[in-house]
Amino acid sequence: MISTDRVEGHARSSAVTGQVKWAPVRSIWTGSLFLVGTVGAVATVSLENVLIFLATTAITIGLGHSIGMHRLLIHRSFSCPRWLEYVLVWLGVLVGMAGPIGMIRIHDLRDWAQRQTDCHDFFAHRRGFWQDAAWQLHGKLDLRHPPRFRLEARVAKDPVYRWMERTWMLQQIPVAVILWLLAGWDAVIWGVALRVTVSLSGHWLIGHFAHRDGHQTWRVEGAAAQGFDLPWAALITFGESWHGNHHAYPGSARLSQRPGELDPGWWVLQALARIGLVRDIVTAATLPHRPGLLRVDPDDRHHCPCLGLFSQD
């Protein structure tokens, strides 16, 4: 039974046995924002509103989810001043998926399950498109024998993170008030309801396709779920769609690996490092080779796995 830094399996732990159930709070949250966002947006289309949507989405998904929540809080692939960490993670909370502690728990449980020799279809996105959408956006998986989740004290006891966790849905209110004061209710529809709807749906879509098929440079031998790269989505996901690279080296702050792989999140981190706000950046080149990691021959990615080490070239 493979364990991770925060998730520890025990003798009875199983990543397979469990039941997907309706999650009413999450479902109502997702469904109500979808209704307001889609219907309201259709009735209020304008260039100004589209620009508000694009700007708020780029800030929350890019700086918030990709850099603050994923690369920093979850993987600790770089360090920065505590005030900047709070700002980046707060922007990630505004994506509307969960609070900081909830996001770590969701991510790490899925990561633990995917590393086992087998896991439930929920973790691997194996079911059909619409069933997977219903599961991921409106349900939760209750494992019969879950592993132990142990969150480090640095996060668990942090009063700011505990406050964000308690109030993560309410964090949309100050954003809505600012948008309403600046541009009225139309801006609230586009900058809150539609933004969260697209962010939640987009996050699921990338997860769905990035675990099923696509370009593959790496394969983790013995893992229940493999990651695939989606080059067409690299720019709009801030580099998160290089998911095959991420499965190979989850601790790397750089999700791209070769020239031509777009990774805006990495570009931002490099810029912040130049002005002294980011340090101790971890990349695949500085990580130890992961056991079971196989380099897949780009000319025959389905049949010719071979050992290989990451190269910066």
Protein backbone atom coordinates (compact mmCIF):
# COMPACT_ATOMS: atom_id res chain seq x y z
CA MET A 1 0.00 0.00 0.00
CA ILE A 2 1.71 3.18 -1.23
CA SER A 3 1.50 6.24 1.02
CA THR A 4 2.19 9.91 0.26
CA ASP A 5 3.35 12.79 2.43
CA ARG A 6 -0.11 13.49 3.87
CA VAL A 7 -2.09 10.34 3.06
CA GLU A 8 -1.13 7.11 4.79
CA GLY A 9 -2.69 3.81 3.87
CA HIS A 10 -3.20 1.09 6.47
CA ALA A 11 -3.86 -2.64 6.28
CA ARG A 12 -7.54 -2.28 5.31
CA SER A 13 -7.24 0.84 3.16
CA SER A 14 -8.66 0.49 -0.33
CA ALA A 15 -8.69 2.96 -3.20
CA VAL A 16 -11.21 0.79 -5.03
CA THR A 17 -14.10 -0.04 -2.72
CA GLY A 18 -16.54 2.79 -2.22
CA GLN A 19 -19.73 4.46 -3.41
CA VAL A 20 -20.29 7.74 -5.22
CA LYS A 21 -23.02 9.73 -3.50
CA TRP A 22 -24.78 13.00 -4.21
CA ALA A 23 -23.11 15.91 -2.41
CA PRO A 24 -26.05 18.31 -1.87
CA VAL A 25 -24.14 21.41 -0.78
CA ARG A 26 -21.63 21.12 -3.58
CA SER A 27 -24.34 20.30 -6.11
CA ILE A 28 -26.53 23.25 -5.15
CA TRP A 29 -23.50 25.55 -5.21
CA THR A 30 -22.43 24.36 -8.65
CA GLY A 31 -25.94 24.22 -10.09
CA SER A 32 -27.09 27.63 -8.89
CA LEU A 33 -23.98 29.37 -10.19
CA PHE A 34 -24.35 27.53 -13.50
CA LEU A 35 -27.95 28.73 -13.82
CA VAL A 36 -27.21 32.34 -12.93
CA GLY A 37 -23.99 32.43 -14.92
CA THR A 38 -25.23 30.94 -18.18
CA VAL A 39 -28.70 32.48 -18.32
CA GLY A 40 -27.49 35.84 -17.05
CA ALA A 41 -24.53 35.95 -19.42
CA VAL A 42 -26.67 35.23 -22.47
CA ALA A 43 -28.88 38.19 -21.55
CA THR A 44 -26.02 40.61 -20.86
CA VAL A 45 -23.39 40.01 -23.53
CA SER A 46 -21.07 42.97 -24.07
CA LEU A 47 -17.38 43.56 -24.74
CA GLU A 48 -16.95 45.06 -21.27
CA ASN A 49 -18.45 42.01 -19.58
CA VAL A 50 -16.37 39.60 -21.65
CA LEU A 51 -13.22 41.47 -20.64
CA ILE A 52 -14.26 41.36 -16.98
CA PHE A 53 -14.78 37.60 -17.27
CA LEU A 54 -11.41 37.04 -18.97
CA ALA A 55 -9.50 39.19 -16.49
CA THR A 56 -11.04 37.71 -13.34
CA THR A 57 -10.70 34.16 -14.68
CA ALA A 58 -7.04 34.61 -15.62
CA ILE A 59 -6.22 36.04 -12.19
CA THR A 60 -8.05 33.40 -10.15
CA ILE A 61 -7.17 30.36 -12.28
CA GLY A 62 -3.63 31.46 -13.13
CA LEU A 63 -2.26 33.23 -10.08
CA GLY A 64 -4.71 31.59 -7.68
CA HIS A 65 -5.33 27.97 -8.57
CA SER A 66 -2.26 27.08 -10.61
CA ILE A 67 0.42 29.02 -8.72
CA GLY A 68 -1.04 29.64 -5.27
CA MET A 69 -3.16 26.58 -4.56
CA HIS A 70 -1.47 23.87 -6.63
CA ARG A 71 2.23 24.60 -7.01
CA LEU A 72 2.64 26.42 -3.67
CA LEU A 73 0.16 25.23 -1.03
CA ILE A 74 -0.24 21.62 -2.18
CA HIS A 75 3.20 20.78 -3.54
CA ARG A 76 5.43 23.40 -1.85
CA SER A 77 7.47 23.63 -5.04
CA PHE A 78 8.65 27.14 -4.18
CA SER A 79 8.63 29.52 -1.24
CA CYS A 80 7.64 33.16 -0.87
CA PRO A 81 6.78 35.71 1.85
CA ARG A 82 3.79 34.67 3.94
CA TRP A 83 1.72 37.68 2.84
CA LEU A 84 2.17 36.74 -0.81
CA GLU A 85 1.31 33.12 -0.05
CA TYR A 86 -1.96 34.22 1.57
CA VAL A 87 -2.84 36.42 -1.42
CA LEU A 88 -2.13 33.69 -3.97
CA VAL A 89 -4.04 31.03 -2.03
CA TRP A 90 -6.97 33.40 -1.48
CA LEU A 91 -7.15 33.96 -5.23
CA GLY A 92 -7.24 30.18 -5.54
CA VAL A 93 -10.14 29.99 -3.10
CA LEU A 94 -12.01 32.40 -5.38
CA VAL A 95 -12.02 29.73 -8.08
CA GLY A 96 -14.89 28.27 -6.06
CA MET A 97 -13.87 24.61 -5.69
CA ALA A 98 -13.14 24.44 -1.97
CA GLY A 99 -11.20 26.07 0.83
CA PRO A 100 -7.42 25.59 1.13
CA ILE A 101 -7.65 22.62 3.48
CA GLY A 102 -10.41 21.03 1.43
CA MET A 103 -8.39 21.44 -1.74
CA ILE A 104 -5.37 19.73 -0.20
CA ARG A 105 -7.53 16.86 1.03
CA ILE A 106 -9.26 16.39 -2.35
CA HIS A 107 -6.01 16.58 -4.29
CA ASP A 108 -3.99 14.33 -2.02
CA LEU A 109 -6.63 11.63 -1.71
CA ARG A 110 -6.92 11.45 -5.51
CA ASP A 111 -3.13 11.44 -5.85
CA TRP A 112 -2.83 8.62 -3.31
CA ALA A 113 -5.51 6.57 -5.08
CA GLN A 114 -3.96 7.03 -8.52
CA ARG A 115 -0.60 5.78 -7.25
CA GLN A 116 -2.05 2.43 -6.13
CA THR A 117 -2.15 -0.58 -8.46
CA ASP A 118 -5.90 -0.05 -8.84
CA CYS A 119 -8.39 2.63 -7.87
CA HIS A 120 -12.07 3.49 -8.16
CA ASP A 121 -13.29 4.81 -11.52
CA PHE A 122 -14.07 8.12 -9.80
CA PHE A 123 -10.37 8.79 -9.20
CA ALA A 124 -9.28 7.74 -12.69
CA HIS A 125 -12.12 9.42 -14.67
CA ARG A 126 -12.83 6.08 -16.37
CA ARG A 127 -16.58 6.44 -16.76
CA GLY A 128 -18.30 8.09 -19.72
CA PHE A 129 -18.29 11.83 -20.26
CA TRP A 130 -21.68 12.67 -18.71
CA GLN A 131 -21.46 10.23 -15.83
CA ASP A 132 -18.01 11.52 -14.94
CA ALA A 133 -19.35 15.09 -15.08
CA ALA A 134 -22.17 14.22 -12.70
CA TRP A 135 -19.80 12.42 -10.35
CA GLN A 136 -17.13 15.11 -10.25
CA LEU A 137 -19.36 18.20 -10.20
CA HIS A 138 -22.26 16.99 -8.07
CA GLY A 139 -21.02 14.00 -6.09
CA LYS A 140 -18.38 12.64 -3.77
CA LEU A 141 -16.81 9.25 -3.28
CA ASP A 142 -17.14 7.63 0.13
CA LEU A 143 -14.45 4.99 0.43
CA ARG A 144 -15.40 2.05 2.62
CA HIS A 145 -11.88 1.90 4.08
CA PRO A 146 -10.22 5.28 3.50
CA PRO A 147 -6.59 6.04 4.30
CA ARG A 148 -5.49 8.41 7.04
CA PHE A 149 -5.14 12.08 6.10
CA ARG A 150 -2.65 14.06 8.17
CA LEU A 151 -2.32 17.75 7.38
CA GLU A 152 0.84 19.50 8.47
CA ALA A 153 0.47 21.88 11.41
CA ARG A 154 1.76 24.80 9.35
CA VAL A 155 -1.53 24.76 7.45
CA ALA A 156 -3.89 23.03 9.88
CA LYS A 157 -3.22 25.52 12.68
CA ASP A 158 -2.87 28.63 10.54
CA PRO A 159 -5.71 31.02 11.53
CA VAL A 160 -5.87 32.60 8.07
CA TYR A 161 -6.24 29.25 6.32
CA ARG A 162 -8.78 28.08 8.88
CA TRP A 163 -10.79 31.26 8.24
CA MET A 164 -10.61 30.73 4.47
CA GLU A 165 -11.73 27.14 4.95
CA ARG A 166 -14.79 28.13 7.00
CA THR A 167 -15.82 30.91 4.64
CA TRP A 168 -14.67 29.78 1.19
CA MET A 169 -18.08 30.21 -0.45
CA LEU A 170 -18.54 33.62 1.18
CA GLN A 171 -15.25 34.84 -0.28
CA GLN A 172 -17.12 35.61 -3.51
CA ILE A 173 -19.05 38.38 -1.72
CA PRO A 174 -16.29 41.05 -1.57
CA VAL A 175 -15.48 40.38 -5.23
CA ALA A 176 -19.16 40.72 -6.13
CA VAL A 177 -19.46 43.98 -4.18
CA ILE A 178 -16.43 45.50 -5.89
CA LEU A 179 -17.67 44.48 -9.34
CA TRP A 180 -21.16 45.79 -8.57
CA LEU A 181 -19.78 49.16 -7.45
CA LEU A 182 -17.58 49.42 -10.53
CA ALA A 183 -19.89 48.13 -13.27
CA GLY A 184 -23.24 46.95 -11.89
CA TRP A 185 -24.97 43.57 -11.72
CA ASP A 186 -23.87 42.50 -15.19
CA ALA A 187 -20.28 42.51 -13.96
CA VAL A 188 -21.25 40.33 -11.01
CA ILE A 189 -22.83 37.78 -13.34
CA TRP A 190 -19.77 37.62 -15.58
CA GLY A 191 -17.07 38.12 -12.95
CA VAL A 192 -18.48 35.78 -10.31
CA ALA A 193 -21.24 33.39 -11.45
CA LEU A 194 -19.99 32.70 -14.98
CA ARG A 195 -16.33 32.75 -13.95
CA VAL A 196 -16.85 30.14 -11.22
CA THR A 197 -19.04 28.03 -13.52
CA VAL A 198 -16.44 27.96 -16.30
CA SER A 199 -13.62 27.38 -13.80
CA LEU A 200 -15.32 24.40 -12.17
CA SER A 201 -16.37 22.89 -15.49
CA GLY A 202 -12.98 23.54 -17.04
CA HIS A 203 -11.11 21.99 -14.14
CA TRP A 204 -13.18 18.85 -14.47
CA LEU A 205 -12.78 18.76 -18.27
CA ILE A 206 -8.99 18.95 -18.08
CA GLY A 207 -8.95 16.25 -15.40
CA HIS A 208 -11.27 14.07 -17.46
CA PHE A 209 -9.26 14.17 -20.68
CA ALA A 210 -5.81 14.33 -19.05
CA HIS A 211 -6.40 10.93 -17.43
CA ARG A 212 -7.80 9.16 -20.49
CA ASP A 213 -5.62 9.76 -23.55
CA GLY A 214 -3.36 12.26 -25.23
CA HIS A 215 0.33 12.96 -25.72
CA GLN A 216 2.46 11.00 -23.26
CA THR A 217 6.14 11.39 -22.46
CA TRP A 218 6.14 9.54 -19.14
CA ARG A 219 4.45 6.49 -17.67
CA VAL A 220 4.48 5.51 -14.00
CA GLU A 221 4.80 1.73 -13.83
CA GLY A 222 2.23 0.07 -11.61
CA ALA A 223 0.11 3.20 -11.12
CA ALA A 224 -3.67 2.84 -11.47
CA ALA A 225 -4.04 6.10 -13.41
CA GLN A 226 -1.68 7.68 -15.91
CA GLY A 227 -1.37 11.34 -16.83
CA PHE A 228 -1.48 12.68 -20.38
CA ASP A 229 -0.52 16.06 -21.82
CA LEU A 230 -3.07 18.31 -23.54
CA PRO A 231 -0.96 20.85 -25.48
CA TRP A 232 -4.04 22.63 -26.88
CA ALA A 233 -5.07 23.70 -23.36
CA ALA A 234 -1.67 24.76 -22.03
CA LEU A 235 -2.17 28.51 -22.39
CA ILE A 236 -5.68 28.76 -20.98
CA THR A 237 -4.82 26.49 -18.01
CA PHE A 238 -1.58 28.34 -17.13
CA GLY A 239 0.35 25.16 -17.96
CA GLU A 240 -1.75 22.78 -15.85
CA SER A 241 -2.65 20.67 -18.88
CA TRP A 242 0.90 19.25 -19.01
CA HIS A 243 -0.53 16.59 -16.75
CA GLY A 244 1.68 13.76 -17.92
CA ASN A 245 4.70 15.82 -16.90
CA HIS A 246 3.04 16.52 -13.57
CA HIS A 247 2.39 12.83 -12.87
CA ALA A 248 6.07 12.19 -13.55
CA TYR A 249 7.37 14.99 -11.31
CA PRO A 250 4.55 16.26 -9.08
CA GLY A 251 6.93 18.29 -6.93
CA SER A 252 8.15 20.45 -9.81
CA ALA A 253 7.10 24.08 -10.03
CA ARG A 254 7.68 23.88 -13.76
CA LEU A 255 4.98 21.84 -15.49
CA SER A 256 6.47 22.19 -18.96
CA GLN A 257 9.66 20.26 -19.74
CA ARG A 258 10.76 21.02 -23.27
CA PRO A 259 11.07 24.08 -25.51
CA GLY A 260 7.75 25.00 -27.06
CA GLU A 261 5.65 23.72 -24.13
CA LEU A 262 3.67 26.76 -22.98
CA ASP A 263 3.63 27.21 -19.21
CA PRO A 264 2.46 30.71 -18.19
CA GLY A 265 2.58 29.75 -14.52
CA TRP A 266 6.28 29.04 -14.86
CA TRP A 267 6.81 32.36 -16.61
CA VAL A 268 5.15 34.19 -13.72
CA LEU A 269 7.27 32.34 -11.16
CA GLN A 270 10.44 33.24 -13.04
CA ALA A 271 9.38 36.91 -13.07
CA LEU A 272 8.61 36.85 -9.34
CA ALA A 273 11.97 35.19 -8.69
CA ARG A 274 13.78 37.95 -10.57
CA ILE A 275 12.31 40.60 -8.26
CA GLY A 276 13.03 38.56 -5.15
CA LEU A 277 9.50 37.50 -4.21
CA VAL A 278 9.95 33.79 -5.00
CA ARG A 279 12.84 31.53 -4.01
CA ASP A 280 13.74 27.87 -3.48
CA ILE A 281 12.08 26.83 -6.73
CA VAL A 282 11.95 23.07 -7.28
CA THR A 283 12.12 21.67 -10.81
CA ALA A 284 12.26 18.19 -12.27
CA ALA A 285 15.99 18.65 -12.82
CA THR A 286 16.54 18.99 -9.06
CA LEU A 287 14.22 16.17 -8.00
CA PRO A 288 15.39 12.57 -7.54
CA HIS A 289 14.33 10.11 -10.22
CA ARG A 290 10.95 8.69 -9.30
CA PRO A 291 10.81 4.89 -8.83
CA GLY A 292 8.80 3.22 -11.57
CA LEU A 293 8.99 6.22 -13.89
CA LEU A 294 9.44 5.22 -17.51
CA ARG A 295 10.24 7.44 -20.45
CA VAL A 296 7.89 6.70 -23.34
CA ASP A 297 9.42 6.70 -26.82
CA PRO A 298 7.76 9.62 -28.66
CA ASP A 299 7.69 7.57 -31.87
CA ASP A 300 5.75 4.72 -30.26
CA ARG A 301 4.29 5.92 -27.00
CA HIS A 302 2.05 2.88 -26.54
CA HIS A 303 4.65 0.13 -26.98
CA CYS A 304 8.19 1.32 -26.27
CA PRO A 305 8.68 2.41 -22.66
CA CYS A 306 12.26 3.06 -21.70
CA LEU A 307 14.04 4.52 -18.71
CA GLY A 308 15.03 8.13 -19.06
CA LEU A 309 15.94 11.13 -16.97
CA PHE A 310 14.54 14.60 -17.31
CA SER A 311 16.59 17.04 -19.33
CA GLN A 312 16.42 20.81 -19.29
CA ASP A 313 17.52 20.93 -22.92
